[in-house]
Amino acid sequence: MSGPGAGTPRIRADREVCIGAGLCVMTAEDVFDQDDDGLVVLLEPDPPPAARERVRQAVRNCPSGALSLVEE
């Protein structure tokens, strides 16, 4: 595949870095959750096209930098 948008973004969540702010859940609750300790739980590592912009926003807004998005 080639061209813009050809890659599928994959989310990485580093629970060691997560501070449990919950902004990711508020931004994309269908992709992120929190465990009993408040740490990020990744529900969907390969977000559907409809969720991708919200996921990008969650990655940008994560206060601890625990989230990253890798275009594959």
PDB file of N, CA and C in Angstrom:
ATOM      1  N   MET A   1       0.829  -1.182   0.000  1.00  0.00           N
ATOM      2  CA  MET A   1       0.000   0.000   0.000  1.00  0.00           C
ATOM      3  C   MET A   1       0.867   1.237   0.000  1.00  0.00           C
ATOM      4  N   SER A   2       0.352   2.270  -0.622  1.00  0.00           N
ATOM      5  CA  SER A   2       1.078   3.527  -0.606  1.00  0.00           C
ATOM      6  C   SER A   2       0.090   4.668  -0.672  1.00  0.00           C
ATOM      7  N   GLY A   3       0.593   5.869  -0.421  1.00  0.00           N
ATOM      8  CA  GLY A   3      -0.254   7.050  -0.484  1.00  0.00           C
ATOM      9  C   GLY A   3      -0.726   7.460   0.899  1.00  0.00           C
ATOM     10  N   PRO A   4      -1.303   8.668   0.990  1.00  0.00           N
ATOM     11  CA  PRO A   4      -1.763   9.169   2.275  1.00  0.00           C
ATOM     12  C   PRO A   4      -2.845   8.276   2.859  1.00  0.00           C
ATOM     13  N   GLY A   5      -2.749   8.024   4.148  1.00  0.00           N
ATOM     14  CA  GLY A   5      -3.746   7.239   4.841  1.00  0.00           C
ATOM     15  C   GLY A   5      -3.656   5.748   4.591  1.00  0.00           C
ATOM     16  N   ALA A   6      -2.627   5.308   3.879  1.00  0.00           N
ATOM     17  CA  ALA A   6      -2.513   3.889   3.557  1.00  0.00           C
ATOM     18  C   ALA A   6      -2.142   3.067   4.783  1.00  0.00           C
ATOM     19  N   GLY A   7      -1.355   3.655   5.692  1.00  0.00           N
ATOM     20  CA  GLY A   7      -0.941   2.926   6.881  1.00  0.00           C
ATOM     21  C   GLY A   7      -2.052   2.853   7.910  1.00  0.00           C
ATOM     22  N   THR A   8      -1.994   1.829   8.725  1.00  0.00           N
ATOM     23  CA  THR A   8      -2.952   1.678   9.806  1.00  0.00           C
ATOM     24  C   THR A   8      -2.276   2.104  11.092  1.00  0.00           C
ATOM     25  N   PRO A   9      -2.804   3.117  11.778  1.00  0.00           N
ATOM     26  CA  PRO A   9      -2.184   3.545  13.024  1.00  0.00           C
ATOM     27  C   PRO A   9      -2.396   2.512  14.127  1.00  0.00           C
ATOM     28  N   ARG A  10      -1.368   2.296  14.914  1.00  0.00           N
ATOM     29  CA  ARG A  10      -1.444   1.364  16.040  1.00  0.00           C
ATOM     30  C   ARG A  10      -1.085   2.143  17.301  1.00  0.00           C
ATOM     31  N   ILE A  11      -1.863   1.943  18.335  1.00  0.00           N
ATOM     32  CA  ILE A  11      -1.672   2.675  19.584  1.00  0.00           C
ATOM     33  C   ILE A  11      -0.741   1.896  20.498  1.00  0.00           C
ATOM     34  N   ARG A  12       0.121   2.628  21.165  1.00  0.00           N
ATOM     35  CA  ARG A  12       0.951   2.050  22.220  1.00  0.00           C
ATOM     36  C   ARG A  12       0.640   2.809  23.507  1.00  0.00           C
ATOM     37  N   ALA A  13       0.426   2.075  24.573  1.00  0.00           N
ATOM     38  CA  ALA A  13       0.135   2.672  25.878  1.00  0.00           C
ATOM     39  C   ALA A  13       1.143   2.136  26.887  1.00  0.00           C
ATOM     40  N   ASP A  14       1.904   3.038  27.486  1.00  0.00           N
ATOM     41  CA  ASP A  14       2.919   2.659  28.470  1.00  0.00           C
ATOM     42  C   ASP A  14       2.337   2.849  29.872  1.00  0.00           C
ATOM     43  N   ARG A  15       1.915   1.762  30.473  1.00  0.00           N
ATOM     44  CA  ARG A  15       1.293   1.825  31.797  1.00  0.00           C
ATOM     45  C   ARG A  15       2.286   2.247  32.882  1.00  0.00           C
ATOM     46  N   GLU A  16       3.574   2.096  32.633  1.00  0.00           N
ATOM     47  CA  GLU A  16       4.589   2.532  33.600  1.00  0.00           C
ATOM     48  C   GLU A  16       4.681   4.059  33.649  1.00  0.00           C
ATOM     49  N   VAL A  17       4.278   4.711  32.582  1.00  0.00           N
ATOM     50  CA  VAL A  17       4.354   6.169  32.478  1.00  0.00           C
ATOM     51  C   VAL A  17       3.007   6.815  32.816  1.00  0.00           C
ATOM     52  N   CYS A  18       1.923   6.087  32.626  1.00  0.00           N
ATOM     53  CA  CYS A  18       0.565   6.606  32.833  1.00  0.00           C
ATOM     54  C   CYS A  18       0.390   7.121  34.259  1.00  0.00           C
ATOM     55  N   ILE A  19      -0.249   8.299  34.397  1.00  0.00           N
ATOM     56  CA  ILE A  19      -0.529   8.868  35.712  1.00  0.00           C
ATOM     57  C   ILE A  19      -2.018   8.793  36.060  1.00  0.00           C
ATOM     58  N   GLY A  20      -2.818   8.206  35.189  1.00  0.00           N
ATOM     59  CA  GLY A  20      -4.233   8.001  35.482  1.00  0.00           C
ATOM     60  C   GLY A  20      -5.108   9.226  35.371  1.00  0.00           C
ATOM     61  N   ALA A  21      -4.731  10.192  34.551  1.00  0.00           N
ATOM     62  CA  ALA A  21      -5.529  11.410  34.399  1.00  0.00           C
ATOM     63  C   ALA A  21      -6.882  11.136  33.739  1.00  0.00           C
ATOM     64  N   GLY A  22      -6.949  10.134  32.881  1.00  0.00           N
ATOM     65  CA  GLY A  22      -8.213   9.750  32.262  1.00  0.00           C
ATOM     66  C   GLY A  22      -8.640  10.555  31.055  1.00  0.00           C
ATOM     67  N   LEU A  23      -7.790  11.444  30.567  1.00  0.00           N
ATOM     68  CA  LEU A  23      -8.158  12.241  29.393  1.00  0.00           C
ATOM     69  C   LEU A  23      -8.381  11.367  28.170  1.00  0.00           C
ATOM     70  N   CYS A  24      -7.640  10.280  28.073  1.00  0.00           N
ATOM     71  CA  CYS A  24      -7.807   9.376  26.926  1.00  0.00           C
ATOM     72  C   CYS A  24      -9.204   8.770  26.914  1.00  0.00           C
ATOM     73  N   VAL A  25      -9.687   8.369  28.075  1.00  0.00           N
ATOM     74  CA  VAL A  25     -11.019   7.772  28.172  1.00  0.00           C
ATOM     75  C   VAL A  25     -12.085   8.805  27.829  1.00  0.00           C
ATOM     76  N   MET A  26     -11.901  10.020  28.302  1.00  0.00           N
ATOM     77  CA  MET A  26     -12.874  11.077  28.002  1.00  0.00           C
ATOM     78  C   MET A  26     -12.896  11.419  26.518  1.00  0.00           C
ATOM     79  N   THR A  27     -11.776  11.245  25.853  1.00  0.00           N
ATOM     80  CA  THR A  27     -11.671  11.581  24.433  1.00  0.00           C
ATOM     81  C   THR A  27     -12.126  10.441  23.528  1.00  0.00           C
ATOM     82  N   ALA A  28     -11.789   9.213  23.888  1.00  0.00           N
ATOM     83  CA  ALA A  28     -12.109   8.055  23.035  1.00  0.00           C
ATOM     84  C   ALA A  28     -12.446   6.850  23.915  1.00  0.00           C
ATOM     85  N   GLU A  29     -13.622   6.873  24.504  1.00  0.00           N
ATOM     86  CA  GLU A  29     -14.000   5.818  25.451  1.00  0.00           C
ATOM     87  C   GLU A  29     -14.170   4.444  24.805  1.00  0.00           C
ATOM     88  N   ASP A  30     -14.309   4.409  23.498  1.00  0.00           N
ATOM     89  CA  ASP A  30     -14.423   3.124  22.807  1.00  0.00           C
ATOM     90  C   ASP A  30     -13.058   2.486  22.546  1.00  0.00           C
ATOM     91  N   VAL A  31     -11.996   3.255  22.788  1.00  0.00           N
ATOM     92  CA  VAL A  31     -10.637   2.774  22.529  1.00  0.00           C
ATOM     93  C   VAL A  31      -9.845   2.602  23.828  1.00  0.00           C
ATOM     94  N   PHE A  32     -10.098   3.464  24.813  1.00  0.00           N
ATOM     95  CA  PHE A  32      -9.358   3.451  26.075  1.00  0.00           C
ATOM     96  C   PHE A  32     -10.294   3.221  27.255  1.00  0.00           C
ATOM     97  N   ASP A  33      -9.738   2.632  28.314  1.00  0.00           N
ATOM     98  CA  ASP A  33     -10.436   2.489  29.586  1.00  0.00           C
ATOM     99  C   ASP A  33      -9.387   2.653  30.678  1.00  0.00           C
ATOM    100  N   GLN A  34      -9.818   2.569  31.925  1.00  0.00           N
ATOM    101  CA  GLN A  34      -8.902   2.627  33.052  1.00  0.00           C
ATOM    102  C   GLN A  34      -9.175   1.445  33.964  1.00  0.00           C
ATOM    103  N   ASP A  35      -8.113   0.908  34.556  1.00  0.00           N
ATOM    104  CA  ASP A  35      -8.279  -0.191  35.500  1.00  0.00           C
ATOM    105  C   ASP A  35      -8.610   0.362  36.883  1.00  0.00           C
ATOM    106  N   ASP A  36      -8.667  -0.502  37.883  1.00  0.00           N
ATOM    107  CA  ASP A  36      -9.024  -0.086  39.243  1.00  0.00           C
ATOM    108  C   ASP A  36      -8.035   0.905  39.838  1.00  0.00           C
ATOM    109  N   ASP A  37      -6.802   0.916  39.330  1.00  0.00           N
ATOM    110  CA  ASP A  37      -5.789   1.862  39.801  1.00  0.00           C
ATOM    111  C   ASP A  37      -5.791   3.154  38.993  1.00  0.00           C
ATOM    112  N   GLY A  38      -6.663   3.239  37.997  1.00  0.00           N
ATOM    113  CA  GLY A  38      -6.749   4.437  37.168  1.00  0.00           C
ATOM    114  C   GLY A  38      -5.826   4.428  35.966  1.00  0.00           C
ATOM    115  N   LEU A  39      -5.081   3.350  35.771  1.00  0.00           N
ATOM    116  CA  LEU A  39      -4.129   3.299  34.662  1.00  0.00           C
ATOM    117  C   LEU A  39      -4.812   2.903  33.364  1.00  0.00           C
ATOM    118  N   VAL A  40      -4.249   3.387  32.282  1.00  0.00           N
ATOM    119  CA  VAL A  40      -4.830   3.161  30.959  1.00  0.00           C
ATOM    120  C   VAL A  40      -4.915   1.672  30.621  1.00  0.00           C
ATOM    121  N   VAL A  41      -6.044   1.320  30.024  1.00  0.00           N
ATOM    122  CA  VAL A  41      -6.265  -0.011  29.466  1.00  0.00           C
ATOM    123  C   VAL A  41      -6.630   0.208  28.012  1.00  0.00           C
ATOM    124  N   LEU A  42      -5.909  -0.432  27.142  1.00  0.00           N
ATOM    125  CA  LEU A  42      -6.131  -0.282  25.708  1.00  0.00           C
ATOM    126  C   LEU A  42      -7.167  -1.304  25.255  1.00  0.00           C
ATOM    127  N   LEU A  43      -8.331  -0.821  24.848  1.00  0.00           N
ATOM    128  CA  LEU A  43      -9.402  -1.705  24.395  1.00  0.00           C
ATOM    129  C   LEU A  43      -9.240  -2.084  22.932  1.00  0.00           C
ATOM    130  N   GLU A  44      -8.655  -1.175  22.160  1.00  0.00           N
ATOM    131  CA  GLU A  44      -8.567  -1.371  20.708  1.00  0.00           C
ATOM    132  C   GLU A  44      -7.232  -0.840  20.202  1.00  0.00           C
ATOM    133  N   PRO A  45      -6.182  -1.690  20.107  1.00  0.00           N
ATOM    134  CA  PRO A  45      -4.870  -1.208  19.662  1.00  0.00           C
ATOM    135  C   PRO A  45      -4.847  -0.740  18.210  1.00  0.00           C
ATOM    136  N   ASP A  46      -5.774  -1.247  17.405  1.00  0.00           N
ATOM    137  CA  ASP A  46      -5.888  -0.830  16.003  1.00  0.00           C
ATOM    138  C   ASP A  46      -7.213  -0.096  15.846  1.00  0.00           C
ATOM    139  N   PRO A  47      -7.224   1.210  16.078  1.00  0.00           N
ATOM    140  CA  PRO A  47      -8.498   1.937  16.089  1.00  0.00           C
ATOM    141  C   PRO A  47      -9.192   1.927  14.733  1.00  0.00           C
ATOM    142  N   PRO A  48     -10.512   1.832  14.741  1.00  0.00           N
ATOM    143  CA  PRO A  48     -11.257   1.899  13.482  1.00  0.00           C
ATOM    144  C   PRO A  48     -11.136   3.297  12.881  1.00  0.00           C
ATOM    145  N   PRO A  49     -11.313   3.420  11.588  1.00  0.00           N
ATOM    146  CA  PRO A  49     -11.177   4.727  10.935  1.00  0.00           C
ATOM    147  C   PRO A  49     -12.004   5.832  11.593  1.00  0.00           C
ATOM    148  N   ALA A  50     -13.189   5.515  12.057  1.00  0.00           N
ATOM    149  CA  ALA A  50     -14.059   6.528  12.666  1.00  0.00           C
ATOM    150  C   ALA A  50     -13.488   7.087  13.972  1.00  0.00           C
ATOM    151  N   ALA A  51     -12.592   6.359  14.622  1.00  0.00           N
ATOM    152  CA  ALA A  51     -12.043   6.786  15.910  1.00  0.00           C
ATOM    153  C   ALA A  51     -10.664   7.416  15.795  1.00  0.00           C
ATOM    154  N   ARG A  52     -10.070   7.391  14.646  1.00  0.00           N
ATOM    155  CA  ARG A  52      -8.654   7.781  14.527  1.00  0.00           C
ATOM    156  C   ARG A  52      -8.366   9.225  14.922  1.00  0.00           C
ATOM    157  N   GLU A  53      -9.205  10.151  14.559  1.00  0.00           N
ATOM    158  CA  GLU A  53      -8.928  11.543  14.934  1.00  0.00           C
ATOM    159  C   GLU A  53      -9.043  11.731  16.446  1.00  0.00           C
ATOM    160  N   ARG A  54     -10.017  11.083  17.074  1.00  0.00           N
ATOM    161  CA  ARG A  54     -10.144  11.165  18.534  1.00  0.00           C
ATOM    162  C   ARG A  54      -8.942  10.516  19.217  1.00  0.00           C
ATOM    163  N   VAL A  55      -8.440   9.429  18.649  1.00  0.00           N
ATOM    164  CA  VAL A  55      -7.255   8.773  19.203  1.00  0.00           C
ATOM    165  C   VAL A  55      -6.047   9.698  19.085  1.00  0.00           C
ATOM    166  N   ARG A  56      -5.889  10.327  17.944  1.00  0.00           N
ATOM    167  CA  ARG A  56      -4.772  11.281  17.777  1.00  0.00           C
ATOM    168  C   ARG A  56      -4.868  12.406  18.807  1.00  0.00           C
ATOM    169  N   GLN A  57      -6.076  12.880  19.049  1.00  0.00           N
ATOM    170  CA  GLN A  57      -6.276  13.932  20.048  1.00  0.00           C
ATOM    171  C   GLN A  57      -5.907  13.414  21.443  1.00  0.00           C
ATOM    172  N   ALA A  58      -6.301  12.203  21.770  1.00  0.00           N
ATOM    173  CA  ALA A  58      -5.965  11.620  23.071  1.00  0.00           C
ATOM    174  C   ALA A  58      -4.454  11.491  23.239  1.00  0.00           C
ATOM    175  N   VAL A  59      -3.769  11.064  22.188  1.00  0.00           N
ATOM    176  CA  VAL A  59      -2.309  10.942  22.234  1.00  0.00           C
ATOM    177  C   VAL A  59      -1.675  12.316  22.461  1.00  0.00           C
ATOM    178  N   ARG A  60      -2.138  13.320  21.732  1.00  0.00           N
ATOM    179  CA  ARG A  60      -1.595  14.685  21.882  1.00  0.00           C
ATOM    180  C   ARG A  60      -1.840  15.244  23.279  1.00  0.00           C
ATOM    181  N   ASN A  61      -2.994  14.927  23.870  1.00  0.00           N
ATOM    182  CA  ASN A  61      -3.385  15.531  25.142  1.00  0.00           C
ATOM    183  C   ASN A  61      -2.955  14.742  26.373  1.00  0.00           C
ATOM    184  N   CYS A  62      -2.364  13.575  26.195  1.00  0.00           N
ATOM    185  CA  CYS A  62      -1.953  12.763  27.344  1.00  0.00           C
ATOM    186  C   CYS A  62      -0.895  13.528  28.150  1.00  0.00           C
ATOM    187  N   PRO A  63      -1.202  13.881  29.407  1.00  0.00           N
ATOM    188  CA  PRO A  63      -0.268  14.712  30.176  1.00  0.00           C
ATOM    189  C   PRO A  63       1.042  14.016  30.527  1.00  0.00           C
ATOM    190  N   SER A  64       1.052  12.693  30.569  1.00  0.00           N
ATOM    191  CA  SER A  64       2.284  11.991  30.934  1.00  0.00           C
ATOM    192  C   SER A  64       3.067  11.486  29.728  1.00  0.00           C
ATOM    193  N   GLY A  65       2.468  11.566  28.543  1.00  0.00           N
ATOM    194  CA  GLY A  65       3.134  11.046  27.357  1.00  0.00           C
ATOM    195  C   GLY A  65       3.115   9.527  27.288  1.00  0.00           C
ATOM    196  N   ALA A  66       2.165   8.908  27.982  1.00  0.00           N
ATOM    197  CA  ALA A  66       2.091   7.448  28.018  1.00  0.00           C
ATOM    198  C   ALA A  66       1.569   6.848  26.722  1.00  0.00           C
ATOM    199  N   LEU A  67       0.926   7.658  25.893  1.00  0.00           N
ATOM    200  CA  LEU A  67       0.333   7.162  24.656  1.00  0.00           C
ATOM    201  C   LEU A  67       1.156   7.581  23.452  1.00  0.00           C
ATOM    202  N   SER A  68       1.256   6.684  22.497  1.00  0.00           N
ATOM    203  CA  SER A  68       1.885   7.028  21.223  1.00  0.00           C
ATOM    204  C   SER A  68       1.116   6.329  20.117  1.00  0.00           C
ATOM    205  N   LEU A  69       1.239   6.876  18.933  1.00  0.00           N
ATOM    206  CA  LEU A  69       0.556   6.338  17.765  1.00  0.00           C
ATOM    207  C   LEU A  69       1.603   6.080  16.702  1.00  0.00           C
ATOM    208  N   VAL A  70       1.670   4.844  16.239  1.00  0.00           N
ATOM    209  CA  VAL A  70       2.648   4.446  15.238  1.00  0.00           C
ATOM    210  C   VAL A  70       1.902   4.120  13.958  1.00  0.00           C
ATOM    211  N   GLU A  71       2.240   4.821  12.888  1.00  0.00           N
ATOM    212  CA  GLU A  71       1.626   4.549  11.586  1.00  0.00           C
ATOM    213  C   GLU A  71       2.364   3.381  10.956  1.00  0.00           C
ATOM    214  N   GLU A  72       1.649   2.313  10.667  1.00  0.00           N
ATOM    215  CA  GLU A  72       2.285   1.120  10.089  1.00  0.00           C
ATOM    216  C   GLU A  72       1.887   0.959   8.648  1.00  0.00           C
TER     217      GLU A  72
END
